Amino acid sequence: DACAAAGRDRAEVTMIAVTKTYPAGDVVALAGLGVTDVG
C-alpha cells in the first residue's frame, strides 16, 4: 500500500525481518514463508 501511494514499484523495497531476542526457529519459519532477509 505504501509503494502504491508513493507511485513506486513494490519490487524496489526489501523487507528485513528483525529477529533480535527471537529464536532461530522463527527465522526458519519465516524463511519457509518466503522471507529472504533477516536483521
All heavy atoms as atom14 arrays in JSON, in Angstrom:
{
  "sequence": "DACAAAGRDRAEVTMIAVTKTYPAGDVVALAGLGVTDVG",
  "atom14_mask": [
    [1, 1, 1, 1, 1, 1, 1, 1, 0, 0, 0, 0, 0, 0],
    [1, 1, 1, 1, 1, 0, 0, 0, 0, 0, 0, 0, 0, 0],
    [1, 1, 1, 1, 1, 1, 0, 0, 0, 0, 0, 0, 0, 0],
    [1, 1, 1, 1, 1, 0, 0, 0, 0, 0, 0, 0, 0, 0],
    [1, 1, 1, 1, 1, 0, 0, 0, 0, 0, 0, 0, 0, 0],
    [1, 1, 1, 1, 1, 0, 0, 0, 0, 0, 0, 0, 0, 0],
    [1, 1, 1, 1, 0, 0, 0, 0, 0, 0, 0, 0, 0, 0],
    [1, 1, 1, 1, 1, 1, 1, 1, 1, 1, 1, 0, 0, 0],
    [1, 1, 1, 1, 1, 1, 1, 1, 0, 0, 0, 0, 0, 0],
    [1, 1, 1, 1, 1, 1, 1, 1, 1, 1, 1, 0, 0, 0],
    [1, 1, 1, 1, 1, 0, 0, 0, 0, 0, 0, 0, 0, 0],
    [1, 1, 1, 1, 1, 1, 1, 1, 1, 0, 0, 0, 0, 0],
    [1, 1, 1, 1, 1, 1, 1, 0, 0, 0, 0, 0, 0, 0],
    [1, 1, 1, 1, 1, 1, 1, 0, 0, 0, 0, 0, 0, 0],
    [1, 1, 1, 1, 1, 1, 1, 1, 0, 0, 0, 0, 0, 0],
    [1, 1, 1, 1, 1, 1, 1, 1, 0, 0, 0, 0, 0, 0],
    [1, 1, 1, 1, 1, 0, 0, 0, 0, 0, 0, 0, 0, 0],
    [1, 1, 1, 1, 1, 1, 1, 0, 0, 0, 0, 0, 0, 0],
    [1, 1, 1, 1, 1, 1, 1, 0, 0, 0, 0, 0, 0, 0],
    [1, 1, 1, 1, 1, 1, 1, 1, 1, 0, 0, 0, 0, 0],
    [1, 1, 1, 1, 1, 1, 1, 0, 0, 0, 0, 0, 0, 0],
    [1, 1, 1, 1, 1, 1, 1, 1, 1, 1, 1, 1, 0, 0],
    [1, 1, 1, 1, 1, 1, 1, 0, 0, 0, 0, 0, 0, 0],
    [1, 1, 1, 1, 1, 0, 0, 0, 0, 0, 0, 0, 0, 0],
    [1, 1, 1, 1, 0, 0, 0, 0, 0, 0, 0, 0, 0, 0],
    [1, 1, 1, 1, 1, 1, 1, 1, 0, 0, 0, 0, 0, 0],
    [1, 1, 1, 1, 1, 1, 1, 0, 0, 0, 0, 0, 0, 0],
    [1, 1, 1, 1, 1, 1, 1, 0, 0, 0, 0, 0, 0, 0],
    [1, 1, 1, 1, 1, 0, 0, 0, 0, 0, 0, 0, 0, 0],
    [1, 1, 1, 1, 1, 1, 1, 1, 0, 0, 0, 0, 0, 0],
    [1, 1, 1, 1, 1, 0, 0, 0, 0, 0, 0, 0, 0, 0],
    [1, 1, 1, 1, 0, 0, 0, 0, 0, 0, 0, 0, 0, 0],
    [1, 1, 1, 1, 1, 1, 1, 1, 0, 0, 0, 0, 0, 0],
    [1, 1, 1, 1, 0, 0, 0, 0, 0, 0, 0, 0, 0, 0],
    [1, 1, 1, 1, 1, 1, 1, 0, 0, 0, 0, 0, 0, 0],
    [1, 1, 1, 1, 1, 1, 1, 0, 0, 0, 0, 0, 0, 0],
    [1, 1, 1, 1, 1, 1, 1, 1, 0, 0, 0, 0, 0, 0],
    [1, 1, 1, 1, 1, 1, 1, 0, 0, 0, 0, 0, 0, 0],
    [1, 1, 1, 1, 0, 0, 0, 0, 0, 0, 0, 0, 0, 0]
  ],
  "atom14_positions": [
    [[0.83, -1.21, 0.0], [0.0, 0.0, 0.0], [0.87, 1.26, 0.0], [0.56, 2.25, -0.69], [-0.92, 0.01, 1.22], [-2.03, -1.03, 1.14], [-2.25, -1.59, 0.04], [-2.67, -1.29, 2.18], [0.0, 0.0, 0.0], [0.0, 0.0, 0.0], [0.0, 0.0, 0.0], [0.0, 0.0, 0.0], [0.0, 0.0, 0.0], [0.0, 0.0, 0.0]],
    [[1.95, 1.24, 0.77], [2.84, 2.4, 0.82], [3.51, 2.64, -0.53], [3.66, 3.79, -0.97], [3.89, 2.22, 1.91], [0.0, 0.0, 0.0], [0.0, 0.0, 0.0], [0.0, 0.0, 0.0], [0.0, 0.0, 0.0], [0.0, 0.0, 0.0], [0.0, 0.0, 0.0], [0.0, 0.0, 0.0], [0.0, 0.0, 0.0], [0.0, 0.0, 0.0]],
    [[3.91, 1.56, -1.19], [4.52, 1.7, -2.51], [3.52, 2.26, -3.51], [3.85, 3.14, -4.32], [5.05, 0.34, -2.99], [6.54, -0.2, -2.14], [0.0, 0.0, 0.0], [0.0, 0.0, 0.0], [0.0, 0.0, 0.0], [0.0, 0.0, 0.0], [0.0, 0.0, 0.0], [0.0, 0.0, 0.0], [0.0, 0.0, 0.0], [0.0, 0.0, 0.0]],
    [[2.28, 1.76, -3.44], [1.25, 2.26, -4.36], [0.99, 3.75, -4.12], [0.88, 4.53, -5.07], [-0.04, 1.46, -4.18], [0.0, 0.0, 0.0], [0.0, 0.0, 0.0], [0.0, 0.0, 0.0], [0.0, 0.0, 0.0], [0.0, 0.0, 0.0], [0.0, 0.0, 0.0], [0.0, 0.0, 0.0], [0.0, 0.0, 0.0], [0.0, 0.0, 0.0]],
    [[0.93, 4.14, -2.85], [0.67, 5.55, -2.53], [1.81, 6.44, -2.99], [1.58, 7.6, -3.37], [0.45, 5.7, -1.03], [0.0, 0.0, 0.0], [0.0, 0.0, 0.0], [0.0, 0.0, 0.0], [0.0, 0.0, 0.0], [0.0, 0.0, 0.0], [0.0, 0.0, 0.0], [0.0, 0.0, 0.0], [0.0, 0.0, 0.0], [0.0, 0.0, 0.0]],
    [[3.03, 5.91, -2.98], [4.19, 6.7, -3.39], [4.49, 6.58, -4.89], [5.44, 7.2, -5.37], [5.42, 6.25, -2.59], [0.0, 0.0, 0.0], [0.0, 0.0, 0.0], [0.0, 0.0, 0.0], [0.0, 0.0, 0.0], [0.0, 0.0, 0.0], [0.0, 0.0, 0.0], [0.0, 0.0, 0.0], [0.0, 0.0, 0.0], [0.0, 0.0, 0.0]],
    [[3.7, 5.78, -5.6], [3.95, 5.58, -7.02], [5.21, 4.81, -7.3], [5.87, 5.02, -8.33], [0.0, 0.0, 0.0], [0.0, 0.0, 0.0], [0.0, 0.0, 0.0], [0.0, 0.0, 0.0], [0.0, 0.0, 0.0], [0.0, 0.0, 0.0], [0.0, 0.0, 0.0], [0.0, 0.0, 0.0], [0.0, 0.0, 0.0], [0.0, 0.0, 0.0]],
    [[5.55, 3.89, -6.39], [6.78, 3.11, -6.53], [6.46, 1.65, -6.83], [5.4, 1.13, -6.45], [7.63, 3.2, -5.25], [8.1, 4.6, -4.94], [8.98, 4.61, -3.69], [10.16, 3.76, -3.87], [10.96, 3.4, -2.88], [10.71, 3.8, -1.65], [12.02, 2.65, -3.12], [0.0, 0.0, 0.0], [0.0, 0.0, 0.0], [0.0, 0.0, 0.0]],
    [[7.41, 0.99, -7.47], [7.29, -0.43, -7.74], [7.54, -1.19, -6.44], [8.54, -0.96, -5.76], [8.33, -0.82, -8.8], [8.25, -2.27, -9.23], [7.63, -3.09, -8.54], [8.84, -2.6, -10.28], [0.0, 0.0, 0.0], [0.0, 0.0, 0.0], [0.0, 0.0, 0.0], [0.0, 0.0, 0.0], [0.0, 0.0, 0.0], [0.0, 0.0, 0.0]],
    [[6.64, -2.11, -6.1], [6.81, -2.9, -4.87], [8.14, -3.64, -4.84], [8.74, -3.84, -3.76], [5.64, -3.89, -4.74], [5.79, -4.94, -3.63], [5.82, -4.3, -2.27], [6.03, -5.27, -1.2], [7.21, -5.72, -0.8], [8.32, -5.28, -1.38], [7.31, -6.59, 0.19], [0.0, 0.0, 0.0], [0.0, 0.0, 0.0], [0.0, 0.0, 0.0]],
    [[8.63, -4.02, -6.0], [9.89, -4.77, -6.06], [11.09, -3.94, -5.63], [12.17, -4.48, -5.38], [10.11, -5.31, -7.47], [0.0, 0.0, 0.0], [0.0, 0.0, 0.0], [0.0, 0.0, 0.0], [0.0, 0.0, 0.0], [0.0, 0.0, 0.0], [0.0, 0.0, 0.0], [0.0, 0.0, 0.0], [0.0, 0.0, 0.0], [0.0, 0.0, 0.0]],
    [[10.92, -2.61, -5.51], [12.03, -1.75, -5.11], [12.31, -1.81, -3.61], [13.35, -1.32, -3.16], [11.72, -0.29, -5.46], [11.62, 0.0, -6.95], [11.22, 1.45, -7.2], [11.11, 2.23, -6.22], [11.02, 1.81, -8.37], [0.0, 0.0, 0.0], [0.0, 0.0, 0.0], [0.0, 0.0, 0.0], [0.0, 0.0, 0.0], [0.0, 0.0, 0.0]],
    [[11.4, -2.38, -2.83], [11.5, -2.33, -1.36], [11.68, -3.74, -0.79], [10.85, -4.61, -1.01], [10.27, -1.66, -0.74], [10.39, -1.63, 0.79], [10.09, -0.24, -1.29], [0.0, 0.0, 0.0], [0.0, 0.0, 0.0], [0.0, 0.0, 0.0], [0.0, 0.0, 0.0], [0.0, 0.0, 0.0], [0.0, 0.0, 0.0], [0.0, 0.0, 0.0]],
    [[12.77, -3.93, -0.05], [13.06, -5.19, 0.62], [12.7, -5.09, 2.09], [13.09, -4.14, 2.77], [14.56, -5.53, 0.5], [14.89, -5.69, -0.88], [14.9, -6.8, 1.26], [0.0, 0.0, 0.0], [0.0, 0.0, 0.0], [0.0, 0.0, 0.0], [0.0, 0.0, 0.0], [0.0, 0.0, 0.0], [0.0, 0.0, 0.0], [0.0, 0.0, 0.0]],
    [[11.94, -6.05, 2.57], [11.64, -6.12, 4.0], [12.7, -6.95, 4.7], [12.98, -8.09, 4.31], [10.27, -6.76, 4.24], [9.87, -6.75, 5.72], [8.61, -7.98, 6.13], [9.6, -9.49, 6.09], [0.0, 0.0, 0.0], [0.0, 0.0, 0.0], [0.0, 0.0, 0.0], [0.0, 0.0, 0.0], [0.0, 0.0, 0.0], [0.0, 0.0, 0.0]],
    [[13.31, -6.38, 5.74], [14.25, -7.11, 6.59], [13.52, -7.46, 7.88], [13.04, -6.58, 8.6], [15.49, -6.25, 6.91], [16.21, -5.85, 5.62], [16.43, -7.0, 7.84], [17.29, -4.81, 5.83], [0.0, 0.0, 0.0], [0.0, 0.0, 0.0], [0.0, 0.0, 0.0], [0.0, 0.0, 0.0], [0.0, 0.0, 0.0], [0.0, 0.0, 0.0]],
    [[13.41, -8.75, 8.17], [12.78, -9.21, 9.41], [13.79, -9.1, 10.54], [14.8, -9.8, 10.54], [12.3, -10.64, 9.25], [0.0, 0.0, 0.0], [0.0, 0.0, 0.0], [0.0, 0.0, 0.0], [0.0, 0.0, 0.0], [0.0, 0.0, 0.0], [0.0, 0.0, 0.0], [0.0, 0.0, 0.0], [0.0, 0.0, 0.0], [0.0, 0.0, 0.0]],
    [[13.53, -8.22, 11.49], [14.46, -8.0, 12.61], [14.09, -8.98, 13.72], [13.07, -8.83, 14.39], [14.4, -6.55, 13.09], [15.39, -6.34, 14.24], [14.74, -5.6, 11.94], [0.0, 0.0, 0.0], [0.0, 0.0, 0.0], [0.0, 0.0, 0.0], [0.0, 0.0, 0.0], [0.0, 0.0, 0.0], [0.0, 0.0, 0.0], [0.0, 0.0, 0.0]],
    [[14.96, -9.97, 13.92], [14.63, -11.1, 14.79], [15.38, -11.08, 16.12], [15.47, -12.12, 16.79], [14.9, -12.42, 14.05], [16.26, -12.45, 13.6], [13.97, -12.58, 12.86], [0.0, 0.0, 0.0], [0.0, 0.0, 0.0], [0.0, 0.0, 0.0], [0.0, 0.0, 0.0], [0.0, 0.0, 0.0], [0.0, 0.0, 0.0], [0.0, 0.0, 0.0]],
    [[15.91, -9.94, 16.51], [16.62, -9.89, 17.79], [15.68, -10.31, 18.92], [14.5, -9.94, 18.93], [17.17, -8.49, 18.05], [16.13, -7.39, 18.22], [16.79, -6.04, 18.46], [15.74, -4.96, 18.66], [16.35, -3.64, 18.88], [0.0, 0.0, 0.0], [0.0, 0.0, 0.0], [0.0, 0.0, 0.0], [0.0, 0.0, 0.0], [0.0, 0.0, 0.0]],
    [[16.19, -11.08, 19.85], [15.52, -11.68, 21.0], [14.63, -12.86, 20.63], [14.11, -13.53, 21.51], [14.69, -10.69, 21.85], [13.47, -10.38, 21.19], [15.48, -9.43, 22.17], [0.0, 0.0, 0.0], [0.0, 0.0, 0.0], [0.0, 0.0, 0.0], [0.0, 0.0, 0.0], [0.0, 0.0, 0.0], [0.0, 0.0, 0.0], [0.0, 0.0, 0.0]],
    [[14.43, -13.12, 19.35], [13.61, -14.25, 18.93], [14.48, -15.42, 18.51], [15.6, -15.24, 18.05], [12.68, -13.83, 17.78], [11.57, -12.93, 18.24], [11.66, -11.55, 18.08], [10.47, -13.46, 18.88], [10.66, -10.72, 18.55], [9.46, -12.63, 19.35], [9.55, -11.27, 19.18], [8.56, -10.45, 19.65], [0.0, 0.0, 0.0], [0.0, 0.0, 0.0]],
    [[13.97, -16.65, 18.65], [14.81, -17.83, 18.42], [15.04, -18.12, 16.94], [14.33, -17.61, 16.06], [14.0, -18.96, 19.07], [12.57, -18.5, 18.98], [12.63, -17.01, 19.17], [0.0, 0.0, 0.0], [0.0, 0.0, 0.0], [0.0, 0.0, 0.0], [0.0, 0.0, 0.0], [0.0, 0.0, 0.0], [0.0, 0.0, 0.0], [0.0, 0.0, 0.0]],
    [[16.03, -18.98, 16.7], [16.34, -19.38, 15.33], [15.15, -20.04, 14.66], [14.99, -19.95, 13.44], [17.54, -20.32, 15.35], [0.0, 0.0, 0.0], [0.0, 0.0, 0.0], [0.0, 0.0, 0.0], [0.0, 0.0, 0.0], [0.0, 0.0, 0.0], [0.0, 0.0, 0.0], [0.0, 0.0, 0.0], [0.0, 0.0, 0.0], [0.0, 0.0, 0.0]],
    [[14.31, -20.72, 15.44], [13.13, -21.34, 14.85], [12.23, -20.36, 14.14], [11.62, -20.69, 13.11], [0.0, 0.0, 0.0], [0.0, 0.0, 0.0], [0.0, 0.0, 0.0], [0.0, 0.0, 0.0], [0.0, 0.0, 0.0], [0.0, 0.0, 0.0], [0.0, 0.0, 0.0], [0.0, 0.0, 0.0], [0.0, 0.0, 0.0], [0.0, 0.0, 0.0]],
    [[12.12, -19.13, 14.67], [11.32, -18.11, 13.99], [11.94, -17.74, 12.65], [11.22, -17.49, 11.67], [11.2, -16.87, 14.87], [10.15, -17.02, 15.96], [9.53, -18.1, 16.07], [9.96, -16.05, 16.74], [0.0, 0.0, 0.0], [0.0, 0.0, 0.0], [0.0, 0.0, 0.0], [0.0, 0.0, 0.0], [0.0, 0.0, 0.0], [0.0, 0.0, 0.0]],
    [[13.28, -17.67, 12.6], [13.94, -17.37, 11.33], [13.67, -18.47, 10.31], [13.35, -18.2, 9.14], [15.46, -17.2, 11.54], [16.15, -16.91, 10.21], [15.74, -16.09, 12.55], [0.0, 0.0, 0.0], [0.0, 0.0, 0.0], [0.0, 0.0, 0.0], [0.0, 0.0, 0.0], [0.0, 0.0, 0.0], [0.0, 0.0, 0.0], [0.0, 0.0, 0.0]],
    [[13.76, -19.71, 10.75], [13.5, -20.84, 9.85], [12.05, -20.8, 9.35], [11.78, -21.01, 8.16], [13.8, -22.17, 10.55], [13.34, -23.36, 9.71], [15.29, -22.29, 10.85], [0.0, 0.0, 0.0], [0.0, 0.0, 0.0], [0.0, 0.0, 0.0], [0.0, 0.0, 0.0], [0.0, 0.0, 0.0], [0.0, 0.0, 0.0], [0.0, 0.0, 0.0]],
    [[11.12, -20.5, 10.27], [9.72, -20.43, 9.86], [9.48, -19.29, 8.87], [8.77, -19.45, 7.87], [8.82, -20.26, 11.09], [0.0, 0.0, 0.0], [0.0, 0.0, 0.0], [0.0, 0.0, 0.0], [0.0, 0.0, 0.0], [0.0, 0.0, 0.0], [0.0, 0.0, 0.0], [0.0, 0.0, 0.0], [0.0, 0.0, 0.0], [0.0, 0.0, 0.0]],
    [[10.07, -18.13, 9.13], [9.92, -17.0, 8.21], [10.52, -17.32, 6.85], [9.94, -16.96, 5.81], [10.59, -15.76, 8.81], [9.86, -15.11, 9.98], [10.76, -14.08, 10.66], [8.56, -14.45, 9.51], [0.0, 0.0, 0.0], [0.0, 0.0, 0.0], [0.0, 0.0, 0.0], [0.0, 0.0, 0.0], [0.0, 0.0, 0.0], [0.0, 0.0, 0.0]],
    [[11.66, -17.98, 6.84], [12.25, -18.37, 5.55], [11.31, -19.29, 4.78], [11.17, -19.17, 3.56], [13.59, -19.05, 5.79], [0.0, 0.0, 0.0], [0.0, 0.0, 0.0], [0.0, 0.0, 0.0], [0.0, 0.0, 0.0], [0.0, 0.0, 0.0], [0.0, 0.0, 0.0], [0.0, 0.0, 0.0], [0.0, 0.0, 0.0], [0.0, 0.0, 0.0]],
    [[10.63, -20.18, 5.5], [9.67, -21.05, 4.85], [8.46, -20.32, 4.3], [7.77, -20.81, 3.4], [0.0, 0.0, 0.0], [0.0, 0.0, 0.0], [0.0, 0.0, 0.0], [0.0, 0.0, 0.0], [0.0, 0.0, 0.0], [0.0, 0.0, 0.0], [0.0, 0.0, 0.0], [0.0, 0.0, 0.0], [0.0, 0.0, 0.0], [0.0, 0.0, 0.0]],
    [[8.21, -19.12, 4.83], [7.12, -18.27, 4.35], [7.58, -17.29, 3.26], [6.82, -16.44, 2.84], [6.52, -17.48, 5.53], [5.82, -18.34, 6.59], [5.57, -17.51, 7.85], [4.5, -18.89, 6.05], [0.0, 0.0, 0.0], [0.0, 0.0, 0.0], [0.0, 0.0, 0.0], [0.0, 0.0, 0.0], [0.0, 0.0, 0.0], [0.0, 0.0, 0.0]],
    [[8.83, -17.41, 2.85], [9.32, -16.58, 1.76], [10.16, -15.39, 2.15], [10.55, -14.59, 1.28], [0.0, 0.0, 0.0], [0.0, 0.0, 0.0], [0.0, 0.0, 0.0], [0.0, 0.0, 0.0], [0.0, 0.0, 0.0], [0.0, 0.0, 0.0], [0.0, 0.0, 0.0], [0.0, 0.0, 0.0], [0.0, 0.0, 0.0], [0.0, 0.0, 0.0]],
    [[10.48, -15.24, 3.44], [11.34, -14.14, 3.88], [12.79, -14.49, 3.54], [13.28, -15.56, 3.89], [11.18, -13.88, 5.39], [12.21, -12.87, 5.88], [9.76, -13.38, 5.68], [0.0, 0.0, 0.0], [0.0, 0.0, 0.0], [0.0, 0.0, 0.0], [0.0, 0.0, 0.0], [0.0, 0.0, 0.0], [0.0, 0.0, 0.0], [0.0, 0.0, 0.0]],
    [[13.47, -13.58, 2.88], [14.85, -13.84, 2.45], [15.88, -13.03, 3.21], [17.07, -13.36, 3.17], [15.0, -13.51, 0.95], [14.61, -12.14, 0.73], [14.13, -14.42, 0.1], [0.0, 0.0, 0.0], [0.0, 0.0, 0.0], [0.0, 0.0, 0.0], [0.0, 0.0, 0.0], [0.0, 0.0, 0.0], [0.0, 0.0, 0.0], [0.0, 0.0, 0.0]],
    [[15.46, -11.97, 3.92], [16.39, -11.05, 4.56], [16.06, -10.92, 6.04], [14.92, -10.64, 6.41], [16.32, -9.67, 3.88], [16.82, -9.71, 2.45], [16.08, -10.18, 1.57], [17.98, -9.31, 2.24], [0.0, 0.0, 0.0], [0.0, 0.0, 0.0], [0.0, 0.0, 0.0], [0.0, 0.0, 0.0], [0.0, 0.0, 0.0], [0.0, 0.0, 0.0]],
    [[17.09, -11.12, 6.88], [16.91, -11.15, 8.33], [17.94, -10.22, 8.97], [19.11, -10.21, 8.58], [17.09, -12.58, 8.87], [17.02, -12.61, 10.39], [16.02, -13.5, 8.27], [0.0, 0.0, 0.0], [0.0, 0.0, 0.0], [0.0, 0.0, 0.0], [0.0, 0.0, 0.0], [0.0, 0.0, 0.0], [0.0, 0.0, 0.0], [0.0, 0.0, 0.0]],
    [[17.49, -9.43, 9.95], [18.37, -8.48, 10.61], [18.59, -8.79, 12.07], [17.67, -9.23, 12.78], [0.0, 0.0, 0.0], [0.0, 0.0, 0.0], [0.0, 0.0, 0.0], [0.0, 0.0, 0.0], [0.0, 0.0, 0.0], [0.0, 0.0, 0.0], [0.0, 0.0, 0.0], [0.0, 0.0, 0.0], [0.0, 0.0, 0.0], [0.0, 0.0, 0.0]]
  ]
}
